[in-house]
């Protein structure tokens, strides 16, 4: 019994140490999204998907890319909600990535892919709905890399995309009135 408790303590300390080191290295901690954030993002993605599939956009279900998926709660919810779309979740930090991978192994979703890589190296193809809950520095770097052609919608929680005007902003009903920004590139571009 004591050996099990010691093992749990060692794993917990190692995990916390890894999270602290990766937070200092990457410049942002793995932050879970709240229930209200997930609901607002789901609604924004649903609206974007409806416009892309039914409007002037492509006929096929767009791919959903979550950049910086953290602990994976939002990615799993998106995969369950949008079963016809491939959900590509990207996380660079080791501890959250291992958690996401373990949860996916226990509760598989066939349309969910989790990849451990730098979010700025991901190729964003058209049509895609990109979801991000990043830092201002990461949003700035993403803005420089994001293709501004093709059918792409960016849904960003809390942080704006510098140099671009969102097509709409959703204010959450939380303490901070956290904004969710929606940017449209390509077929319905208003940015």
N, C-alpha and C. Protein backbone atom coordinates (compact mmCIF):
# COMPACT_ATOMS: atom_id res chain seq x y z
N UNK A 1 0.82 -1.19 0.00
CA UNK A 1 0.00 0.00 0.00
C UNK A 1 0.87 1.26 0.00
N UNK A 2 1.90 1.27 0.84
CA UNK A 2 2.80 2.42 0.90
C UNK A 2 3.54 2.58 -0.42
N UNK A 3 3.93 1.47 -1.03
CA UNK A 3 4.64 1.52 -2.32
C UNK A 3 3.76 2.16 -3.39
N UNK A 4 2.48 1.85 -3.39
CA UNK A 4 1.55 2.44 -4.36
C UNK A 4 1.42 3.94 -4.12
N UNK A 5 1.30 4.35 -2.88
CA UNK A 5 1.21 5.77 -2.56
C UNK A 5 2.47 6.52 -2.95
N UNK A 6 3.63 5.91 -2.72
CA UNK A 6 4.90 6.52 -3.12
C UNK A 6 4.97 6.65 -4.63
N UNK A 7 4.54 5.61 -5.34
CA UNK A 7 4.53 5.65 -6.81
C UNK A 7 3.62 6.76 -7.31
N UNK A 8 2.44 6.87 -6.74
CA UNK A 8 1.50 7.94 -7.13
C UNK A 8 2.12 9.31 -6.86
N UNK A 9 2.76 9.48 -5.72
CA UNK A 9 3.40 10.74 -5.38
C UNK A 9 4.52 11.07 -6.36
N UNK A 10 5.35 10.10 -6.69
CA UNK A 10 6.46 10.31 -7.63
C UNK A 10 5.92 10.71 -9.01
N UNK A 11 4.90 10.01 -9.48
CA UNK A 11 4.31 10.33 -10.78
C UNK A 11 3.70 11.73 -10.75
N UNK A 12 3.01 12.09 -9.67
CA UNK A 12 2.40 13.41 -9.56
C UNK A 12 3.45 14.51 -9.55
N UNK A 13 4.51 14.33 -8.78
CA UNK A 13 5.59 15.33 -8.73
C UNK A 13 6.28 15.44 -10.09
N UNK A 14 6.54 14.31 -10.73
CA UNK A 14 7.17 14.33 -12.06
C UNK A 14 6.27 15.05 -13.07
N UNK A 15 4.97 14.77 -13.02
CA UNK A 15 4.03 15.42 -13.92
C UNK A 15 3.96 16.92 -13.70
N UNK A 16 3.87 17.34 -12.45
CA UNK A 16 3.84 18.77 -12.14
C UNK A 16 5.13 19.47 -12.55
N UNK A 17 6.26 18.81 -12.32
CA UNK A 17 7.55 19.37 -12.73
C UNK A 17 7.60 19.54 -14.24
N UNK A 18 7.12 18.52 -14.96
CA UNK A 18 7.09 18.59 -16.42
C UNK A 18 6.21 19.74 -16.89
N UNK A 19 5.06 19.92 -16.26
CA UNK A 19 4.15 21.00 -16.64
C UNK A 19 4.81 22.36 -16.39
N UNK A 20 5.47 22.54 -15.26
CA UNK A 20 6.14 23.81 -14.95
C UNK A 20 7.25 24.09 -15.96
N UNK A 21 8.07 23.10 -16.24
CA UNK A 21 9.17 23.28 -17.20
C UNK A 21 8.63 23.62 -18.58
N UNK A 22 7.61 22.90 -19.04
CA UNK A 22 7.05 23.16 -20.37
C UNK A 22 6.33 24.51 -20.40
N UNK A 23 5.73 24.92 -19.29
CA UNK A 23 5.09 26.24 -19.24
C UNK A 23 6.14 27.33 -19.42
N UNK A 24 7.27 27.19 -18.74
CA UNK A 24 8.35 28.17 -18.88
C UNK A 24 8.94 28.14 -20.28
N UNK A 25 9.07 26.96 -20.85
CA UNK A 25 9.65 26.82 -22.19
C UNK A 25 8.71 27.35 -23.27
N UNK A 26 7.43 26.98 -23.20
CA UNK A 26 6.48 27.33 -24.25
C UNK A 26 5.82 28.70 -24.05
N UNK A 27 5.88 29.22 -22.82
CA UNK A 27 5.32 30.53 -22.57
C UNK A 27 3.85 30.55 -22.22
N UNK A 28 3.24 29.38 -22.04
CA UNK A 28 1.82 29.33 -21.69
C UNK A 28 1.53 28.00 -21.01
N UNK A 29 0.73 28.03 -19.93
CA UNK A 29 0.39 26.76 -19.27
C UNK A 29 -0.75 26.07 -20.02
N UNK A 30 -0.89 24.76 -19.84
CA UNK A 30 -2.04 24.08 -20.44
C UNK A 30 -3.31 24.42 -19.66
N UNK A 31 -4.13 25.28 -20.23
CA UNK A 31 -5.34 25.76 -19.55
C UNK A 31 -6.56 25.03 -20.08
N UNK A 32 -7.33 24.42 -19.21
CA UNK A 32 -8.57 23.78 -19.67
C UNK A 32 -9.61 24.85 -20.01
N UNK A 33 -10.42 24.57 -21.00
CA UNK A 33 -11.51 25.49 -21.33
C UNK A 33 -12.68 25.22 -20.39
N UNK A 34 -13.42 26.27 -20.10
CA UNK A 34 -14.58 26.13 -19.22
C UNK A 34 -15.77 25.60 -20.03
N UNK A 35 -16.80 25.20 -19.33
CA UNK A 35 -18.01 24.69 -20.00
C UNK A 35 -18.61 25.78 -20.90
N UNK A 36 -18.64 27.04 -20.43
CA UNK A 36 -19.22 28.11 -21.25
C UNK A 36 -18.35 28.40 -22.47
N UNK A 37 -17.03 28.29 -22.33
CA UNK A 37 -16.14 28.46 -23.48
C UNK A 37 -16.40 27.37 -24.52
N UNK A 38 -16.47 26.12 -24.05
CA UNK A 38 -16.70 25.00 -24.98
C UNK A 38 -18.03 25.16 -25.70
N UNK A 39 -19.06 25.59 -24.98
CA UNK A 39 -20.38 25.77 -25.61
C UNK A 39 -20.34 26.87 -26.67
N UNK A 40 -19.71 28.00 -26.35
CA UNK A 40 -19.62 29.11 -27.31
C UNK A 40 -18.79 28.72 -28.52
N UNK A 41 -17.69 28.01 -28.30
CA UNK A 41 -16.85 27.58 -29.42
C UNK A 41 -17.60 26.57 -30.27
N UNK A 42 -18.31 25.63 -29.63
CA UNK A 42 -19.11 24.65 -30.38
C UNK A 42 -20.13 25.37 -31.26
N UNK A 43 -20.82 26.37 -30.70
CA UNK A 43 -21.82 27.11 -31.47
C UNK A 43 -21.18 27.87 -32.63
N UNK A 44 -20.01 28.47 -32.39
CA UNK A 44 -19.31 29.20 -33.45
C UNK A 44 -18.85 28.24 -34.55
N UNK A 45 -18.32 27.09 -34.15
CA UNK A 45 -17.89 26.09 -35.14
C UNK A 45 -19.10 25.58 -35.92
N UNK A 46 -20.20 25.33 -35.22
CA UNK A 46 -21.41 24.86 -35.89
C UNK A 46 -21.90 25.87 -36.93
N UNK A 47 -21.89 27.15 -36.57
CA UNK A 47 -22.28 28.19 -37.52
C UNK A 47 -21.35 28.25 -38.71
N UNK A 48 -20.05 28.14 -38.46
CA UNK A 48 -19.07 28.15 -39.55
C UNK A 48 -19.26 26.95 -40.46
N UNK A 49 -19.48 25.77 -39.86
CA UNK A 49 -19.69 24.55 -40.65
C UNK A 49 -20.94 24.69 -41.52
N UNK A 50 -22.00 25.21 -40.93
CA UNK A 50 -23.25 25.38 -41.68
C UNK A 50 -23.03 26.31 -42.87
N UNK A 51 -22.35 27.43 -42.65
CA UNK A 51 -22.07 28.37 -43.74
C UNK A 51 -21.18 27.74 -44.79
N UNK A 52 -20.16 27.01 -44.35
CA UNK A 52 -19.22 26.42 -45.30
C UNK A 52 -19.88 25.33 -46.14
N UNK A 53 -20.71 24.51 -45.53
CA UNK A 53 -21.30 23.38 -46.25
C UNK A 53 -22.55 23.81 -47.03
N UNK A 54 -23.36 24.70 -46.46
CA UNK A 54 -24.63 25.08 -47.09
C UNK A 54 -24.54 26.37 -47.89
N UNK A 55 -23.59 27.21 -47.55
CA UNK A 55 -23.48 28.51 -48.23
C UNK A 55 -22.71 28.39 -49.53
N UNK A 56 -21.82 29.33 -49.76
CA UNK A 56 -21.02 29.34 -50.98
C UNK A 56 -19.75 28.52 -50.83
N UNK A 57 -19.60 27.85 -49.72
CA UNK A 57 -18.37 27.11 -49.44
C UNK A 57 -18.38 25.71 -50.03
N UNK A 58 -17.45 24.87 -49.60
CA UNK A 58 -17.29 23.53 -50.15
C UNK A 58 -18.44 22.60 -49.75
N UNK A 59 -18.60 21.51 -50.51
CA UNK A 59 -19.67 20.56 -50.23
C UNK A 59 -19.27 19.56 -49.15
N UNK A 60 -17.99 19.28 -49.01
CA UNK A 60 -17.51 18.28 -48.04
C UNK A 60 -17.44 18.89 -46.64
N UNK A 61 -17.55 18.02 -45.62
CA UNK A 61 -17.43 18.48 -44.24
C UNK A 61 -16.01 18.98 -44.00
N UNK A 62 -15.87 20.21 -43.55
CA UNK A 62 -14.53 20.76 -43.30
C UNK A 62 -13.82 20.03 -42.15
N UNK A 63 -12.52 20.07 -42.21
CA UNK A 63 -11.70 19.53 -41.14
C UNK A 63 -11.69 20.55 -40.00
N UNK A 64 -11.63 20.07 -38.77
CA UNK A 64 -11.52 20.95 -37.60
C UNK A 64 -10.13 20.75 -37.02
N UNK A 65 -9.41 21.84 -36.82
CA UNK A 65 -8.06 21.78 -36.26
C UNK A 65 -8.07 22.56 -34.96
N UNK A 66 -7.72 21.89 -33.86
CA UNK A 66 -7.59 22.61 -32.59
C UNK A 66 -6.12 22.78 -32.29
N UNK A 67 -5.67 24.03 -32.30
CA UNK A 67 -4.27 24.34 -32.04
C UNK A 67 -4.08 24.58 -30.55
N UNK A 68 -3.24 23.78 -29.91
CA UNK A 68 -3.03 23.88 -28.48
C UNK A 68 -4.20 23.25 -27.73
N UNK A 69 -4.39 21.95 -27.89
CA UNK A 69 -5.59 21.29 -27.35
C UNK A 69 -5.53 21.07 -25.84
N UNK A 70 -4.39 21.33 -25.20
CA UNK A 70 -4.31 21.18 -23.74
C UNK A 70 -4.70 19.79 -23.30
N UNK A 71 -5.67 19.70 -22.40
CA UNK A 71 -6.08 18.42 -21.82
C UNK A 71 -7.08 17.67 -22.69
N UNK A 72 -7.52 18.27 -23.80
CA UNK A 72 -8.31 17.57 -24.80
C UNK A 72 -9.82 17.60 -24.64
N UNK A 73 -10.34 18.29 -23.63
CA UNK A 73 -11.78 18.33 -23.42
C UNK A 73 -12.54 18.94 -24.59
N UNK A 74 -12.04 20.04 -25.12
CA UNK A 74 -12.68 20.70 -26.25
C UNK A 74 -12.58 19.84 -27.50
N UNK A 75 -11.41 19.26 -27.76
CA UNK A 75 -11.22 18.41 -28.94
C UNK A 75 -12.18 17.23 -28.92
N UNK A 76 -12.34 16.60 -27.76
CA UNK A 76 -13.26 15.45 -27.64
C UNK A 76 -14.71 15.89 -27.88
N UNK A 77 -15.07 17.04 -27.33
CA UNK A 77 -16.43 17.53 -27.52
C UNK A 77 -16.68 17.84 -29.00
N UNK A 78 -15.70 18.45 -29.67
CA UNK A 78 -15.84 18.74 -31.10
C UNK A 78 -15.94 17.46 -31.92
N UNK A 79 -15.14 16.45 -31.58
CA UNK A 79 -15.18 15.18 -32.30
C UNK A 79 -16.53 14.49 -32.13
N UNK A 80 -17.09 14.55 -30.93
CA UNK A 80 -18.41 13.94 -30.69
C UNK A 80 -19.51 14.72 -31.43
N UNK A 81 -19.43 16.03 -31.40
CA UNK A 81 -20.47 16.87 -32.00
C UNK A 81 -20.44 16.82 -33.52
N UNK A 82 -19.24 16.83 -34.09
CA UNK A 82 -19.09 16.89 -35.55
C UNK A 82 -18.48 15.58 -36.05
N UNK A 83 -19.26 14.52 -35.95
CA UNK A 83 -18.77 13.17 -36.28
C UNK A 83 -18.38 12.98 -37.73
N UNK A 84 -18.89 13.82 -38.65
CA UNK A 84 -18.53 13.69 -40.06
C UNK A 84 -17.23 14.41 -40.41
N UNK A 85 -16.71 15.19 -39.48
CA UNK A 85 -15.48 15.94 -39.72
C UNK A 85 -14.31 15.30 -38.98
N UNK A 86 -13.15 15.39 -39.58
CA UNK A 86 -11.93 14.94 -38.91
C UNK A 86 -11.49 16.05 -37.97
N UNK A 87 -11.26 15.72 -36.71
CA UNK A 87 -10.78 16.69 -35.72
C UNK A 87 -9.31 16.38 -35.46
N UNK A 88 -8.46 17.35 -35.79
CA UNK A 88 -7.01 17.21 -35.63
C UNK A 88 -6.59 18.10 -34.47
N UNK A 89 -6.29 17.50 -33.34
CA UNK A 89 -5.91 18.24 -32.13
C UNK A 89 -4.39 18.23 -32.00
N UNK A 90 -3.82 19.40 -31.75
CA UNK A 90 -2.37 19.56 -31.68
C UNK A 90 -1.99 20.08 -30.29
N UNK A 91 -1.02 19.44 -29.67
CA UNK A 91 -0.51 19.89 -28.36
C UNK A 91 0.99 19.61 -28.32
N UNK A 92 1.75 20.56 -27.84
CA UNK A 92 3.20 20.39 -27.76
C UNK A 92 3.68 19.97 -26.37
N UNK A 93 2.96 20.38 -25.34
CA UNK A 93 3.35 20.07 -23.97
C UNK A 93 3.15 18.58 -23.69
N UNK A 94 4.14 17.95 -23.07
CA UNK A 94 4.15 16.49 -22.92
C UNK A 94 3.02 15.97 -22.03
N UNK A 95 2.86 16.52 -20.82
CA UNK A 95 1.87 15.98 -19.88
C UNK A 95 0.45 16.02 -20.44
N UNK A 96 -0.02 17.16 -20.96
CA UNK A 96 -1.37 17.17 -21.53
C UNK A 96 -1.49 16.23 -22.74
N UNK A 97 -0.45 16.18 -23.56
CA UNK A 97 -0.49 15.27 -24.72
C UNK A 97 -0.65 13.82 -24.27
N UNK A 98 0.13 13.41 -23.27
CA UNK A 98 0.02 12.04 -22.76
C UNK A 98 -1.37 11.79 -22.19
N UNK A 99 -1.92 12.78 -21.49
CA UNK A 99 -3.27 12.65 -20.95
C UNK A 99 -4.28 12.45 -22.09
N UNK A 100 -4.20 13.32 -23.12
CA UNK A 100 -5.12 13.22 -24.26
C UNK A 100 -5.02 11.86 -24.93
N UNK A 101 -3.79 11.38 -25.09
CA UNK A 101 -3.57 10.09 -25.74
C UNK A 101 -4.16 8.95 -24.90
N UNK A 102 -3.97 9.02 -23.59
CA UNK A 102 -4.52 7.98 -22.70
C UNK A 102 -6.04 7.99 -22.72
N UNK A 103 -6.65 9.17 -22.66
CA UNK A 103 -8.11 9.26 -22.69
C UNK A 103 -8.64 8.76 -24.03
N UNK A 104 -7.95 9.10 -25.12
CA UNK A 104 -8.38 8.63 -26.45
C UNK A 104 -8.28 7.12 -26.54
N UNK A 105 -7.25 6.53 -25.94
CA UNK A 105 -7.11 5.07 -25.95
C UNK A 105 -8.23 4.41 -25.16
N UNK A 106 -8.63 5.01 -24.05
CA UNK A 106 -9.70 4.45 -23.22
C UNK A 106 -11.09 4.67 -23.83
N UNK A 107 -11.27 5.83 -24.45
CA UNK A 107 -12.56 6.20 -25.02
C UNK A 107 -12.35 6.67 -26.46
N UNK A 108 -12.13 5.74 -27.39
CA UNK A 108 -11.76 6.11 -28.76
C UNK A 108 -12.87 6.85 -29.50
N UNK A 109 -12.45 7.82 -30.27
CA UNK A 109 -13.32 8.51 -31.21
C UNK A 109 -12.64 8.40 -32.58
N UNK A 110 -13.27 7.75 -33.54
CA UNK A 110 -12.60 7.46 -34.82
C UNK A 110 -12.21 8.70 -35.62
N UNK A 111 -12.87 9.82 -35.40
CA UNK A 111 -12.56 11.02 -36.17
C UNK A 111 -11.61 11.98 -35.45
N UNK A 112 -11.04 11.56 -34.30
CA UNK A 112 -10.13 12.41 -33.53
C UNK A 112 -8.70 11.93 -33.68
N UNK A 113 -7.83 12.84 -34.12
CA UNK A 113 -6.40 12.58 -34.22
C UNK A 113 -5.70 13.56 -33.29
N UNK A 114 -4.82 13.05 -32.44
CA UNK A 114 -4.07 13.90 -31.52
C UNK A 114 -2.60 13.81 -31.90
N UNK A 115 -1.98 14.96 -32.09
CA UNK A 115 -0.59 14.99 -32.53
C UNK A 115 0.22 15.88 -31.60
N UNK A 116 1.41 15.42 -31.24
CA UNK A 116 2.32 16.23 -30.42
C UNK A 116 3.31 16.91 -31.35
N UNK A 117 3.10 18.18 -31.57
CA UNK A 117 3.98 18.96 -32.43
C UNK A 117 3.77 20.45 -32.15
N UNK A 118 4.62 21.25 -32.73
CA UNK A 118 4.51 22.71 -32.63
C UNK A 118 3.32 23.16 -33.47
N UNK A 119 2.41 23.90 -32.87
CA UNK A 119 1.21 24.32 -33.59
C UNK A 119 1.51 25.18 -34.80
N UNK A 120 2.67 25.82 -34.82
CA UNK A 120 3.01 26.68 -35.96
C UNK A 120 3.56 25.89 -37.15
N UNK A 121 3.75 24.58 -36.98
CA UNK A 121 4.23 23.77 -38.11
C UNK A 121 3.10 23.03 -38.80
N UNK A 122 1.90 23.11 -38.26
CA UNK A 122 0.76 22.40 -38.85
C UNK A 122 0.33 23.09 -40.14
N UNK A 123 0.11 22.28 -41.15
CA UNK A 123 -0.38 22.81 -42.42
C UNK A 123 -1.90 22.91 -42.33
N UNK A 124 -2.41 24.09 -42.51
CA UNK A 124 -3.85 24.30 -42.44
C UNK A 124 -4.38 24.34 -43.86
N UNK A 125 -5.15 23.32 -44.19
CA UNK A 125 -5.67 23.17 -45.54
C UNK A 125 -7.11 23.63 -45.62
N UNK A 126 -7.52 24.01 -46.80
CA UNK A 126 -8.89 24.41 -47.04
C UNK A 126 -9.70 23.18 -47.44
N UNK A 127 -10.90 22.99 -46.96
CA UNK A 127 -11.62 23.79 -45.98
C UNK A 127 -11.30 23.35 -44.56
N UNK A 128 -11.14 24.30 -43.67
CA UNK A 128 -10.86 24.00 -42.27
C UNK A 128 -11.51 25.03 -41.36
N UNK A 129 -11.91 24.54 -40.20
CA UNK A 129 -12.29 25.43 -39.10
C UNK A 129 -11.19 25.25 -38.07
N UNK A 130 -10.49 26.33 -37.76
CA UNK A 130 -9.36 26.30 -36.83
C UNK A 130 -9.84 26.87 -35.50
N UNK A 131 -9.57 26.14 -34.42
CA UNK A 131 -9.96 26.56 -33.08
C UNK A 131 -8.69 26.80 -32.28
N UNK A 132 -8.62 27.93 -31.57
CA UNK A 132 -7.42 28.26 -30.81
C UNK A 132 -7.79 28.91 -29.48
N UNK A 133 -7.13 28.46 -28.43
CA UNK A 133 -7.20 29.11 -27.11
C UNK A 133 -5.74 29.25 -26.70
N UNK A 134 -5.10 30.29 -27.23
CA UNK A 134 -3.66 30.47 -27.11
C UNK A 134 -3.35 31.76 -26.35
N UNK A 135 -2.09 32.16 -26.37
CA UNK A 135 -1.66 33.41 -25.76
C UNK A 135 -1.59 34.49 -26.84
N UNK A 136 -1.50 35.77 -26.46
CA UNK A 136 -1.35 36.82 -27.47
C UNK A 136 -0.13 36.61 -28.36
N UNK A 137 0.99 36.17 -27.79
CA UNK A 137 2.20 35.94 -28.60
C UNK A 137 1.97 34.83 -29.62
N UNK A 138 1.31 33.76 -29.20
CA UNK A 138 1.04 32.66 -30.13
C UNK A 138 0.03 33.07 -31.20
N UNK A 139 -0.94 33.91 -30.84
CA UNK A 139 -1.91 34.39 -31.84
C UNK A 139 -1.21 35.26 -32.88
N UNK A 140 -0.27 36.08 -32.44
CA UNK A 140 0.49 36.91 -33.37
C UNK A 140 1.28 36.04 -34.34
N UNK A 141 1.95 35.02 -33.82
CA UNK A 141 2.72 34.10 -34.67
C UNK A 141 1.79 33.34 -35.61
N UNK A 142 0.63 32.94 -35.12
CA UNK A 142 -0.34 32.23 -35.96
C UNK A 142 -0.83 33.14 -37.09
N UNK A 143 -1.06 34.41 -36.78
CA UNK A 143 -1.51 35.36 -37.80
C UNK A 143 -0.54 35.49 -38.95
N UNK A 144 0.74 35.35 -38.67
CA UNK A 144 1.76 35.43 -39.72
C UNK A 144 1.78 34.16 -40.58
N UNK A 145 1.35 33.04 -40.05
CA UNK A 145 1.41 31.75 -40.75
C UNK A 145 0.08 31.32 -41.37
N UNK A 146 -1.00 31.85 -40.87
CA UNK A 146 -2.31 31.40 -41.31
C UNK A 146 -2.54 31.77 -42.77
N UNK A 147 -2.91 30.79 -43.60
CA UNK A 147 -3.19 31.13 -45.00
C UNK A 147 -4.44 31.99 -45.08
N UNK A 148 -4.37 33.05 -45.85
CA UNK A 148 -5.50 33.97 -45.94
C UNK A 148 -6.28 33.73 -47.22
N UNK A 149 -6.07 32.57 -47.81
CA UNK A 149 -6.83 32.17 -48.98
C UNK A 149 -7.45 30.81 -48.68
N UNK A 150 -8.40 30.44 -49.46
CA UNK A 150 -9.07 29.17 -49.22
C UNK A 150 -10.22 29.37 -48.25
N UNK A 151 -10.87 28.28 -47.91
CA UNK A 151 -12.03 28.33 -47.03
C UNK A 151 -11.59 27.99 -45.62
N UNK A 152 -11.30 29.01 -44.84
CA UNK A 152 -10.80 28.81 -43.48
C UNK A 152 -11.53 29.76 -42.53
N UNK A 153 -12.00 29.20 -41.43
CA UNK A 153 -12.60 30.00 -40.37
C UNK A 153 -11.76 29.78 -39.12
N UNK A 154 -11.38 30.85 -38.45
CA UNK A 154 -10.63 30.77 -37.20
C UNK A 154 -11.55 31.19 -36.06
N UNK A 155 -11.67 30.32 -35.06
CA UNK A 155 -12.43 30.62 -33.85
C UNK A 155 -11.42 30.70 -32.71
N UNK A 156 -11.24 31.88 -32.14
CA UNK A 156 -10.23 32.09 -31.10
C UNK A 156 -10.89 32.50 -29.79
N UNK A 157 -10.56 31.78 -28.75
CA UNK A 157 -11.10 32.09 -27.43
C UNK A 157 -10.15 33.03 -26.68
N UNK A 158 -10.65 34.16 -26.27
CA UNK A 158 -10.00 35.12 -25.38
C UNK A 158 -9.00 36.06 -26.06
N UNK A 159 -8.35 35.65 -27.13
CA UNK A 159 -7.30 36.48 -27.71
C UNK A 159 -7.56 36.75 -29.19
N UNK A 160 -7.46 38.03 -29.56
CA UNK A 160 -7.71 38.45 -30.94
C UNK A 160 -6.53 38.11 -31.83
N UNK A 161 -6.79 38.09 -33.13
CA UNK A 161 -5.76 37.88 -34.14
C UNK A 161 -5.29 39.26 -34.57
N UNK A 162 -4.06 39.66 -34.19
CA UNK A 162 -3.58 41.01 -34.50
C UNK A 162 -3.63 41.32 -36.00
N UNK A 163 -4.09 42.53 -36.31
CA UNK A 163 -4.11 42.98 -37.69
C UNK A 163 -5.32 42.52 -38.49
N UNK A 164 -6.28 41.86 -37.84
CA UNK A 164 -7.46 41.36 -38.54
C UNK A 164 -8.71 41.75 -37.76
N UNK A 165 -9.77 42.01 -38.51
CA UNK A 165 -11.05 42.33 -37.90
C UNK A 165 -11.91 41.08 -37.89
N UNK A 166 -12.42 40.69 -36.73
CA UNK A 166 -13.26 39.49 -36.70
C UNK A 166 -14.59 39.72 -37.42
N UNK A 167 -15.12 38.65 -38.01
CA UNK A 167 -16.44 38.75 -38.64
C UNK A 167 -17.52 38.83 -37.57
N UNK A 168 -17.22 38.27 -36.39
CA UNK A 168 -18.11 38.46 -35.24
C UNK A 168 -17.37 38.15 -33.95
N UNK A 169 -17.91 38.70 -32.86
CA UNK A 169 -17.34 38.47 -31.53
C UNK A 169 -18.49 38.04 -30.62
N UNK A 170 -18.27 36.94 -29.91
CA UNK A 170 -19.26 36.42 -28.97
C UNK A 170 -18.71 36.69 -27.57
N UNK A 171 -19.49 37.35 -26.73
CA UNK A 171 -19.07 37.61 -25.34
C UNK A 171 -19.68 36.53 -24.45
N UNK A 172 -18.82 35.82 -23.73
CA UNK A 172 -19.31 34.79 -22.82
C UNK A 172 -19.99 35.43 -21.62
N UNK A 173 -20.85 34.69 -20.98
CA UNK A 173 -21.55 35.17 -19.78
C UNK A 173 -20.78 34.72 -18.55
N UNK A 174 -19.48 35.09 -18.52
CA UNK A 174 -18.65 34.75 -17.36
C UNK A 174 -18.19 36.04 -16.69
N UNK A 175 -17.40 35.90 -15.66
CA UNK A 175 -16.94 37.05 -14.88
C UNK A 175 -16.22 38.09 -15.74
N UNK A 176 -15.44 37.63 -16.72
CA UNK A 176 -14.61 38.53 -17.52
C UNK A 176 -15.24 38.89 -18.86
N UNK A 177 -16.45 38.35 -19.13
CA UNK A 177 -17.07 38.55 -20.45
C UNK A 177 -16.07 38.16 -21.54
N UNK A 178 -15.47 37.00 -21.36
CA UNK A 178 -14.44 36.50 -22.27
C UNK A 178 -14.94 36.51 -23.71
N UNK A 179 -14.17 37.14 -24.62
CA UNK A 179 -14.60 37.15 -26.01
C UNK A 179 -14.17 35.89 -26.76
N UNK A 180 -15.02 35.46 -27.68
CA UNK A 180 -14.68 34.42 -28.65
C UNK A 180 -14.75 35.10 -30.01
N UNK A 181 -13.60 35.16 -30.69
CA UNK A 181 -13.49 35.85 -31.97
C UNK A 181 -13.66 34.85 -33.11
N UNK A 182 -14.40 35.25 -34.14
CA UNK A 182 -14.58 34.42 -35.33
C UNK A 182 -14.05 35.21 -36.53
N UNK A 183 -13.07 34.63 -37.23
CA UNK A 183 -12.47 35.24 -38.42
C UNK A 183 -12.76 34.35 -39.62
N UNK A 184 -13.10 34.97 -40.74
CA UNK A 184 -13.40 34.21 -41.95
C UNK A 184 -12.42 34.60 -43.04
N UNK A 185 -11.80 33.59 -43.63
CA UNK A 185 -10.88 33.80 -44.75
C UNK A 185 -11.41 33.01 -45.94
N UNK A 186 -11.29 33.56 -47.14
CA UNK A 186 -11.72 32.82 -48.32
C UNK A 186 -13.11 33.20 -48.76
N UNK A 187 -13.98 32.19 -48.90
CA UNK A 187 -15.30 32.34 -49.51
C UNK A 187 -16.15 33.46 -48.93
N UNK A 188 -16.11 33.68 -47.65
CA UNK A 188 -16.96 34.72 -47.05
C UNK A 188 -16.13 35.75 -46.33
N UNK A 189 -14.90 35.98 -46.80
CA UNK A 189 -13.95 36.81 -46.06
C UNK A 189 -14.48 38.21 -45.83
N UNK A 190 -14.40 38.59 -44.56
CA UNK A 190 -14.76 39.94 -44.16
C UNK A 190 -13.65 40.51 -43.29
N UNK A 191 -12.46 39.86 -43.30
CA UNK A 191 -11.39 40.34 -42.44
C UNK A 191 -10.40 41.18 -43.19
